Amino acid sequence: MLTVPGTGPIPSRPLQIGDVAELTGLSLRSIRHYEDLGLVTPEGRTAGGFRIYDAEAIERLRLVMSLKLVGLSLEQIRPIVDACRAIETGQGTQEDASLVQDGEDAVAQAIEEIERILGPSRLLRDRLRAATRDIVHRN
């Protein structure tokens, strides 16, 4: 079975950046870049200087990954992530709600595109299966 990075359970304890990279499928460089852009903030650092991230930061990284996957740029993602933060802390405004709605709309468009591609692909798969069954039953 295929396991998609970034979809497993998040441990309750803070994780070092290497563990976060393994859990999410992101590179260390990407995580640091997202930190530089203010998309995610580490909880702190270990005595050895390694960044550590809590569950909230990991969820935020997953949000960034998901929004990138549907085609949004980091410039488009930043305000959505900020709006989510504001809403989660009870300080969200109507503008924040509108930004989150933009993210939802992007996801909906991506789903529509996937469904548009899947329809003919499923039809082709069914035809190929039928052809294979016909050949197997003839022999």
N, C-alpha and C. Protein backbone atom coordinates (compact mmCIF):
# COMPACT_ATOMS: atom_id res chain seq x y z
N MET A 1 0.84 -1.19 0.00
CA MET A 1 0.00 0.00 0.00
C MET A 1 0.88 1.25 0.00
N LEU A 2 0.50 2.23 -0.78
CA LEU A 2 1.24 3.48 -0.89
C LEU A 2 0.95 4.36 0.31
N THR A 3 1.99 4.84 0.96
CA THR A 3 1.84 5.78 2.06
C THR A 3 2.27 7.15 1.58
N VAL A 4 1.40 8.09 1.68
CA VAL A 4 1.70 9.45 1.25
C VAL A 4 2.35 10.19 2.41
N PRO A 5 3.55 10.75 2.19
CA PRO A 5 4.19 11.51 3.27
C PRO A 5 3.27 12.63 3.73
N GLY A 6 3.29 12.85 5.03
CA GLY A 6 2.51 13.96 5.56
C GLY A 6 1.09 13.62 5.94
N THR A 7 0.70 12.34 5.87
CA THR A 7 -0.67 12.00 6.20
C THR A 7 -0.80 11.14 7.45
N GLY A 8 0.30 10.76 8.05
CA GLY A 8 0.26 9.91 9.23
C GLY A 8 -0.05 10.70 10.48
N PRO A 9 -0.24 10.00 11.58
CA PRO A 9 -0.52 10.69 12.84
C PRO A 9 0.69 11.51 13.29
N ILE A 10 0.42 12.58 14.00
CA ILE A 10 1.47 13.45 14.50
C ILE A 10 1.72 13.11 15.96
N PRO A 11 2.95 12.82 16.33
CA PRO A 11 3.25 12.55 17.74
C PRO A 11 2.94 13.77 18.60
N SER A 12 2.57 13.54 19.84
CA SER A 12 2.23 14.66 20.73
C SER A 12 3.48 15.39 21.23
N ARG A 13 4.61 14.74 21.19
CA ARG A 13 5.85 15.39 21.66
C ARG A 13 6.47 16.20 20.52
N PRO A 14 7.19 17.26 20.86
CA PRO A 14 7.87 18.04 19.82
C PRO A 14 8.91 17.18 19.10
N LEU A 15 9.10 17.46 17.82
CA LEU A 15 10.03 16.69 17.00
C LEU A 15 11.15 17.58 16.48
N GLN A 16 12.33 16.99 16.35
CA GLN A 16 13.44 17.71 15.73
C GLN A 16 13.18 17.83 14.23
N ILE A 17 13.84 18.78 13.62
CA ILE A 17 13.60 19.07 12.21
C ILE A 17 13.77 17.85 11.31
N GLY A 18 14.74 16.99 11.61
CA GLY A 18 14.94 15.78 10.80
C GLY A 18 13.76 14.84 10.88
N ASP A 19 13.19 14.71 12.08
CA ASP A 19 12.01 13.86 12.25
C ASP A 19 10.80 14.46 11.54
N VAL A 20 10.70 15.79 11.58
CA VAL A 20 9.60 16.47 10.88
C VAL A 20 9.73 16.25 9.38
N ALA A 21 10.96 16.34 8.88
CA ALA A 21 11.20 16.11 7.45
C ALA A 21 10.76 14.70 7.06
N GLU A 22 11.12 13.73 7.88
CA GLU A 22 10.74 12.34 7.59
C GLU A 22 9.22 12.16 7.66
N LEU A 23 8.59 12.77 8.64
CA LEU A 23 7.15 12.64 8.83
C LEU A 23 6.37 13.29 7.69
N THR A 24 6.83 14.44 7.22
CA THR A 24 6.09 15.19 6.21
C THR A 24 6.52 14.90 4.78
N GLY A 25 7.74 14.38 4.61
CA GLY A 25 8.25 14.18 3.27
C GLY A 25 8.92 15.43 2.71
N LEU A 26 9.01 16.47 3.50
CA LEU A 26 9.68 17.70 3.09
C LEU A 26 11.18 17.59 3.34
N SER A 27 11.95 18.32 2.58
CA SER A 27 13.39 18.37 2.83
C SER A 27 13.66 19.34 3.98
N LEU A 28 14.83 19.18 4.61
CA LEU A 28 15.23 20.12 5.66
C LEU A 28 15.28 21.54 5.09
N ARG A 29 15.78 21.64 3.88
CA ARG A 29 15.89 22.96 3.24
C ARG A 29 14.51 23.61 3.07
N SER A 30 13.51 22.82 2.65
CA SER A 30 12.16 23.37 2.48
C SER A 30 11.59 23.84 3.81
N ILE A 31 11.77 23.04 4.85
CA ILE A 31 11.26 23.43 6.16
C ILE A 31 11.90 24.73 6.61
N ARG A 32 13.22 24.83 6.44
CA ARG A 32 13.91 26.07 6.83
C ARG A 32 13.43 27.25 5.98
N HIS A 33 13.20 27.01 4.70
CA HIS A 33 12.71 28.06 3.80
C HIS A 33 11.33 28.54 4.26
N TYR A 34 10.46 27.59 4.60
CA TYR A 34 9.12 27.96 5.07
C TYR A 34 9.22 28.75 6.38
N GLU A 35 10.19 28.39 7.20
CA GLU A 35 10.41 29.14 8.44
C GLU A 35 10.86 30.57 8.11
N ASP A 36 11.80 30.70 7.17
CA ASP A 36 12.28 32.03 6.78
C ASP A 36 11.15 32.90 6.24
N LEU A 37 10.19 32.29 5.57
CA LEU A 37 9.05 33.03 5.02
C LEU A 37 7.97 33.32 6.06
N GLY A 38 8.13 32.75 7.26
CA GLY A 38 7.14 32.96 8.30
C GLY A 38 5.93 32.05 8.20
N LEU A 39 6.03 31.01 7.38
CA LEU A 39 4.91 30.09 7.24
C LEU A 39 4.81 29.12 8.41
N VAL A 40 5.92 28.86 9.06
CA VAL A 40 5.95 27.96 10.20
C VAL A 40 7.01 28.47 11.17
N THR A 41 6.76 28.24 12.45
CA THR A 41 7.70 28.69 13.47
C THR A 41 8.04 27.51 14.37
N PRO A 42 9.33 27.23 14.56
CA PRO A 42 9.68 26.15 15.47
C PRO A 42 9.31 26.53 16.90
N GLU A 43 9.05 25.50 17.69
CA GLU A 43 8.72 25.73 19.10
C GLU A 43 9.95 26.25 19.85
N GLY A 44 11.10 25.86 19.38
CA GLY A 44 12.35 26.26 20.03
C GLY A 44 13.49 25.45 19.45
N ARG A 45 14.52 25.30 20.25
CA ARG A 45 15.69 24.52 19.82
C ARG A 45 16.13 23.61 20.96
N THR A 46 16.77 22.52 20.56
CA THR A 46 17.32 21.61 21.55
C THR A 46 18.60 22.23 22.10
N ALA A 47 19.16 21.60 23.12
CA ALA A 47 20.43 22.06 23.68
C ALA A 47 21.52 22.06 22.62
N GLY A 48 21.39 21.14 21.66
CA GLY A 48 22.37 21.05 20.58
C GLY A 48 22.10 22.02 19.44
N GLY A 49 21.04 22.80 19.55
CA GLY A 49 20.74 23.81 18.53
C GLY A 49 19.81 23.36 17.42
N PHE A 50 19.27 22.13 17.50
CA PHE A 50 18.35 21.66 16.47
C PHE A 50 16.97 22.27 16.68
N ARG A 51 16.35 22.66 15.58
CA ARG A 51 14.99 23.18 15.66
C ARG A 51 14.05 22.06 16.12
N ILE A 52 13.07 22.42 16.94
CA ILE A 52 12.03 21.45 17.32
C ILE A 52 10.67 22.07 16.99
N TYR A 53 9.77 21.21 16.55
CA TYR A 53 8.45 21.64 16.09
C TYR A 53 7.37 20.89 16.84
N ASP A 54 6.32 21.63 17.21
CA ASP A 54 5.19 21.00 17.89
C ASP A 54 4.15 20.56 16.85
N ALA A 55 3.08 19.94 17.32
CA ALA A 55 2.05 19.41 16.43
C ALA A 55 1.42 20.52 15.58
N GLU A 56 1.24 21.69 16.16
CA GLU A 56 0.64 22.81 15.42
C GLU A 56 1.51 23.21 14.23
N ALA A 57 2.82 23.25 14.43
CA ALA A 57 3.73 23.60 13.34
C ALA A 57 3.70 22.54 12.24
N ILE A 58 3.61 21.28 12.64
CA ILE A 58 3.56 20.20 11.66
C ILE A 58 2.27 20.28 10.85
N GLU A 59 1.16 20.57 11.52
CA GLU A 59 -0.11 20.75 10.80
C GLU A 59 -0.01 21.90 9.82
N ARG A 60 0.66 22.96 10.22
CA ARG A 60 0.84 24.12 9.34
C ARG A 60 1.68 23.73 8.11
N LEU A 61 2.73 22.94 8.33
CA LEU A 61 3.53 22.46 7.20
C LEU A 61 2.67 21.62 6.26
N ARG A 62 1.82 20.80 6.81
CA ARG A 62 0.93 19.98 5.99
C ARG A 62 -0.03 20.86 5.19
N LEU A 63 -0.51 21.94 5.81
CA LEU A 63 -1.38 22.87 5.11
C LEU A 63 -0.64 23.49 3.93
N VAL A 64 0.58 23.93 4.17
CA VAL A 64 1.40 24.52 3.10
C VAL A 64 1.59 23.50 1.97
N MET A 65 1.94 22.28 2.33
CA MET A 65 2.14 21.23 1.32
C MET A 65 0.88 21.00 0.50
N SER A 66 -0.25 20.94 1.17
CA SER A 66 -1.52 20.69 0.49
C SER A 66 -1.87 21.82 -0.46
N LEU A 67 -1.69 23.05 -0.01
CA LEU A 67 -2.01 24.20 -0.86
C LEU A 67 -1.05 24.29 -2.05
N LYS A 68 0.21 23.91 -1.84
CA LYS A 68 1.15 23.87 -2.97
C LYS A 68 0.72 22.80 -3.96
N LEU A 69 0.26 21.68 -3.44
CA LEU A 69 -0.15 20.57 -4.28
C LEU A 69 -1.30 20.96 -5.21
N VAL A 70 -2.18 21.84 -4.76
CA VAL A 70 -3.31 22.26 -5.60
C VAL A 70 -2.94 23.43 -6.50
N GLY A 71 -1.67 23.83 -6.46
CA GLY A 71 -1.20 24.81 -7.43
C GLY A 71 -1.00 26.23 -6.93
N LEU A 72 -1.15 26.46 -5.64
CA LEU A 72 -0.93 27.81 -5.12
C LEU A 72 0.55 28.08 -4.92
N SER A 73 0.95 29.31 -5.12
CA SER A 73 2.34 29.72 -4.88
C SER A 73 2.51 30.03 -3.39
N LEU A 74 3.75 30.09 -2.95
CA LEU A 74 4.01 30.45 -1.56
C LEU A 74 3.50 31.85 -1.25
N GLU A 75 3.53 32.74 -2.24
CA GLU A 75 2.98 34.09 -2.04
C GLU A 75 1.48 34.04 -1.79
N GLN A 76 0.79 33.12 -2.45
CA GLN A 76 -0.65 32.97 -2.24
C GLN A 76 -0.95 32.24 -0.93
N ILE A 77 -0.05 31.34 -0.56
CA ILE A 77 -0.26 30.52 0.64
C ILE A 77 -0.08 31.32 1.91
N ARG A 78 0.88 32.20 1.93
CA ARG A 78 1.20 32.96 3.15
C ARG A 78 -0.02 33.62 3.79
N PRO A 79 -0.82 34.41 3.05
CA PRO A 79 -1.98 35.03 3.69
C PRO A 79 -3.02 34.03 4.17
N ILE A 80 -3.12 32.90 3.48
CA ILE A 80 -4.08 31.87 3.91
C ILE A 80 -3.64 31.27 5.23
N VAL A 81 -2.35 30.96 5.35
CA VAL A 81 -1.81 30.41 6.59
C VAL A 81 -1.98 31.42 7.73
N ASP A 82 -1.68 32.68 7.45
CA ASP A 82 -1.84 33.71 8.47
C ASP A 82 -3.31 33.83 8.90
N ALA A 83 -4.21 33.76 7.93
CA ALA A 83 -5.64 33.84 8.24
C ALA A 83 -6.09 32.65 9.10
N CYS A 84 -5.58 31.47 8.77
CA CYS A 84 -5.92 30.29 9.58
C CYS A 84 -5.43 30.47 11.01
N ARG A 85 -4.22 30.99 11.17
CA ARG A 85 -3.69 31.26 12.51
C ARG A 85 -4.61 32.20 13.28
N ALA A 86 -5.01 33.28 12.63
CA ALA A 86 -5.88 34.27 13.28
C ALA A 86 -7.21 33.65 13.68
N ILE A 87 -7.78 32.87 12.80
CA ILE A 87 -9.07 32.24 13.09
C ILE A 87 -8.93 31.24 14.23
N GLU A 88 -7.85 30.45 14.22
CA GLU A 88 -7.63 29.45 15.27
C GLU A 88 -7.45 30.09 16.65
N THR A 89 -6.92 31.29 16.68
CA THR A 89 -6.71 31.97 17.97
C THR A 89 -7.88 32.86 18.36
N GLY A 90 -8.96 32.80 17.57
CA GLY A 90 -10.15 33.59 17.89
C GLY A 90 -10.04 35.04 17.50
N GLN A 91 -9.04 35.39 16.69
CA GLN A 91 -8.83 36.78 16.30
C GLN A 91 -9.11 36.99 14.81
N GLY A 92 -9.78 36.04 14.19
CA GLY A 92 -10.04 36.12 12.76
C GLY A 92 -11.04 37.20 12.41
N THR A 93 -10.83 37.80 11.26
CA THR A 93 -11.72 38.84 10.74
C THR A 93 -12.47 38.30 9.53
N GLN A 94 -13.35 39.12 9.00
CA GLN A 94 -14.05 38.74 7.78
C GLN A 94 -13.06 38.57 6.62
N GLU A 95 -12.03 39.41 6.61
CA GLU A 95 -10.99 39.29 5.58
C GLU A 95 -10.27 37.95 5.70
N ASP A 96 -10.01 37.51 6.93
CA ASP A 96 -9.37 36.21 7.14
C ASP A 96 -10.27 35.09 6.61
N ALA A 97 -11.56 35.20 6.90
CA ALA A 97 -12.50 34.19 6.42
C ALA A 97 -12.51 34.16 4.89
N SER A 98 -12.42 35.32 4.27
CA SER A 98 -12.39 35.40 2.82
C SER A 98 -11.12 34.75 2.25
N LEU A 99 -10.00 34.96 2.91
CA LEU A 99 -8.74 34.34 2.47
C LEU A 99 -8.81 32.82 2.58
N VAL A 100 -9.37 32.33 3.68
CA VAL A 100 -9.51 30.88 3.85
C VAL A 100 -10.46 30.34 2.78
N GLN A 101 -11.50 31.09 2.46
CA GLN A 101 -12.42 30.69 1.39
C GLN A 101 -11.68 30.59 0.05
N ASP A 102 -10.75 31.50 -0.20
CA ASP A 102 -9.93 31.43 -1.42
C ASP A 102 -9.17 30.11 -1.47
N GLY A 103 -8.63 29.69 -0.32
CA GLY A 103 -7.94 28.41 -0.25
C GLY A 103 -8.89 27.26 -0.54
N GLU A 104 -10.09 27.32 0.04
CA GLU A 104 -11.09 26.28 -0.21
C GLU A 104 -11.46 26.23 -1.69
N ASP A 105 -11.59 27.40 -2.31
CA ASP A 105 -11.92 27.46 -3.73
C ASP A 105 -10.83 26.82 -4.58
N ALA A 106 -9.57 27.06 -4.22
CA ALA A 106 -8.46 26.46 -4.96
C ALA A 106 -8.49 24.94 -4.84
N VAL A 107 -8.82 24.45 -3.66
CA VAL A 107 -8.92 23.00 -3.46
C VAL A 107 -10.07 22.44 -4.30
N ALA A 108 -11.21 23.14 -4.30
CA ALA A 108 -12.36 22.69 -5.09
C ALA A 108 -12.02 22.63 -6.58
N GLN A 109 -11.29 23.63 -7.07
CA GLN A 109 -10.88 23.63 -8.48
C GLN A 109 -9.95 22.46 -8.78
N ALA A 110 -9.05 22.17 -7.86
CA ALA A 110 -8.13 21.04 -8.05
C ALA A 110 -8.91 19.73 -8.10
N ILE A 111 -9.90 19.60 -7.23
CA ILE A 111 -10.72 18.38 -7.22
C ILE A 111 -11.47 18.24 -8.54
N GLU A 112 -12.03 19.34 -9.04
CA GLU A 112 -12.73 19.30 -10.33
C GLU A 112 -11.80 18.85 -11.45
N GLU A 113 -10.58 19.36 -11.45
CA GLU A 113 -9.60 18.98 -12.47
C GLU A 113 -9.24 17.50 -12.37
N ILE A 114 -9.06 17.03 -11.16
CA ILE A 114 -8.75 15.61 -10.95
C ILE A 114 -9.90 14.74 -11.44
N GLU A 115 -11.13 15.14 -11.11
CA GLU A 115 -12.29 14.37 -11.55
C GLU A 115 -12.42 14.38 -13.07
N ARG A 116 -12.08 15.51 -13.70
CA ARG A 116 -12.11 15.61 -15.16
C ARG A 116 -11.13 14.61 -15.78
N ILE A 117 -9.99 14.45 -15.16
CA ILE A 117 -8.97 13.52 -15.66
C ILE A 117 -9.34 12.08 -15.33
N LEU A 118 -9.90 11.87 -14.15
CA LEU A 118 -10.21 10.50 -13.71
C LEU A 118 -11.31 9.85 -14.52
N GLY A 119 -12.30 10.62 -14.95
CA GLY A 119 -13.43 10.04 -15.69
C GLY A 119 -12.96 9.22 -16.88
N PRO A 120 -12.27 9.83 -17.84
CA PRO A 120 -11.78 9.06 -18.99
C PRO A 120 -10.77 7.98 -18.60
N SER A 121 -9.98 8.23 -17.59
CA SER A 121 -8.99 7.24 -17.15
C SER A 121 -9.68 5.99 -16.62
N ARG A 122 -10.74 6.18 -15.88
CA ARG A 122 -11.50 5.02 -15.36
C ARG A 122 -12.13 4.25 -16.50
N LEU A 123 -12.66 4.97 -17.48
CA LEU A 123 -13.26 4.32 -18.64
C LEU A 123 -12.22 3.48 -19.37
N LEU A 124 -11.04 4.04 -19.58
CA LEU A 124 -9.95 3.32 -20.24
C LEU A 124 -9.55 2.10 -19.44
N ARG A 125 -9.44 2.24 -18.12
CA ARG A 125 -9.09 1.11 -17.26
C ARG A 125 -10.12 0.00 -17.42
N ASP A 126 -11.40 0.35 -17.40
CA ASP A 126 -12.46 -0.65 -17.52
C ASP A 126 -12.40 -1.37 -18.87
N ARG A 127 -12.12 -0.62 -19.93
CA ARG A 127 -12.00 -1.23 -21.26
C ARG A 127 -10.83 -2.20 -21.32
N LEU A 128 -9.71 -1.80 -20.74
CA LEU A 128 -8.53 -2.67 -20.74
C LEU A 128 -8.77 -3.92 -19.91
N ARG A 129 -9.45 -3.77 -18.78
CA ARG A 129 -9.78 -4.95 -17.97
C ARG A 129 -10.68 -5.90 -18.74
N ALA A 130 -11.67 -5.34 -19.43
CA ALA A 130 -12.59 -6.17 -20.21
C ALA A 130 -11.84 -6.90 -21.31
N ALA A 131 -10.93 -6.21 -21.98
CA ALA A 131 -10.15 -6.85 -23.04
C ALA A 131 -9.29 -7.97 -22.48
N THR A 132 -8.69 -7.74 -21.33
CA THR A 132 -7.86 -8.76 -20.69
C THR A 132 -8.71 -9.97 -20.30
N ARG A 133 -9.89 -9.72 -19.74
CA ARG A 133 -10.79 -10.82 -19.36
C ARG A 133 -11.18 -11.63 -20.58
N ASP A 134 -11.48 -10.96 -21.70
CA ASP A 134 -11.87 -11.66 -22.92
C ASP A 134 -10.75 -12.58 -23.39
N ILE A 135 -9.52 -12.11 -23.35
CA ILE A 135 -8.38 -12.92 -23.78
C ILE A 135 -8.18 -14.10 -22.85
N VAL A 136 -8.28 -13.89 -21.55
CA VAL A 136 -8.10 -14.96 -20.57
C VAL A 136 -9.17 -16.03 -20.74
N HIS A 137 -10.41 -15.63 -20.98
CA HIS A 137 -11.50 -16.60 -21.10
C HIS A 137 -11.44 -17.37 -22.42
N ARG A 138 -10.83 -16.80 -23.44
CA ARG A 138 -10.70 -17.50 -24.72
C ARG A 138 -9.65 -18.59 -24.64
N ASN A 139 -8.69 -18.42 -23.78
CA ASN A 139 -7.58 -19.40 -23.70
C ASN A 139 -7.83 -20.44 -22.70
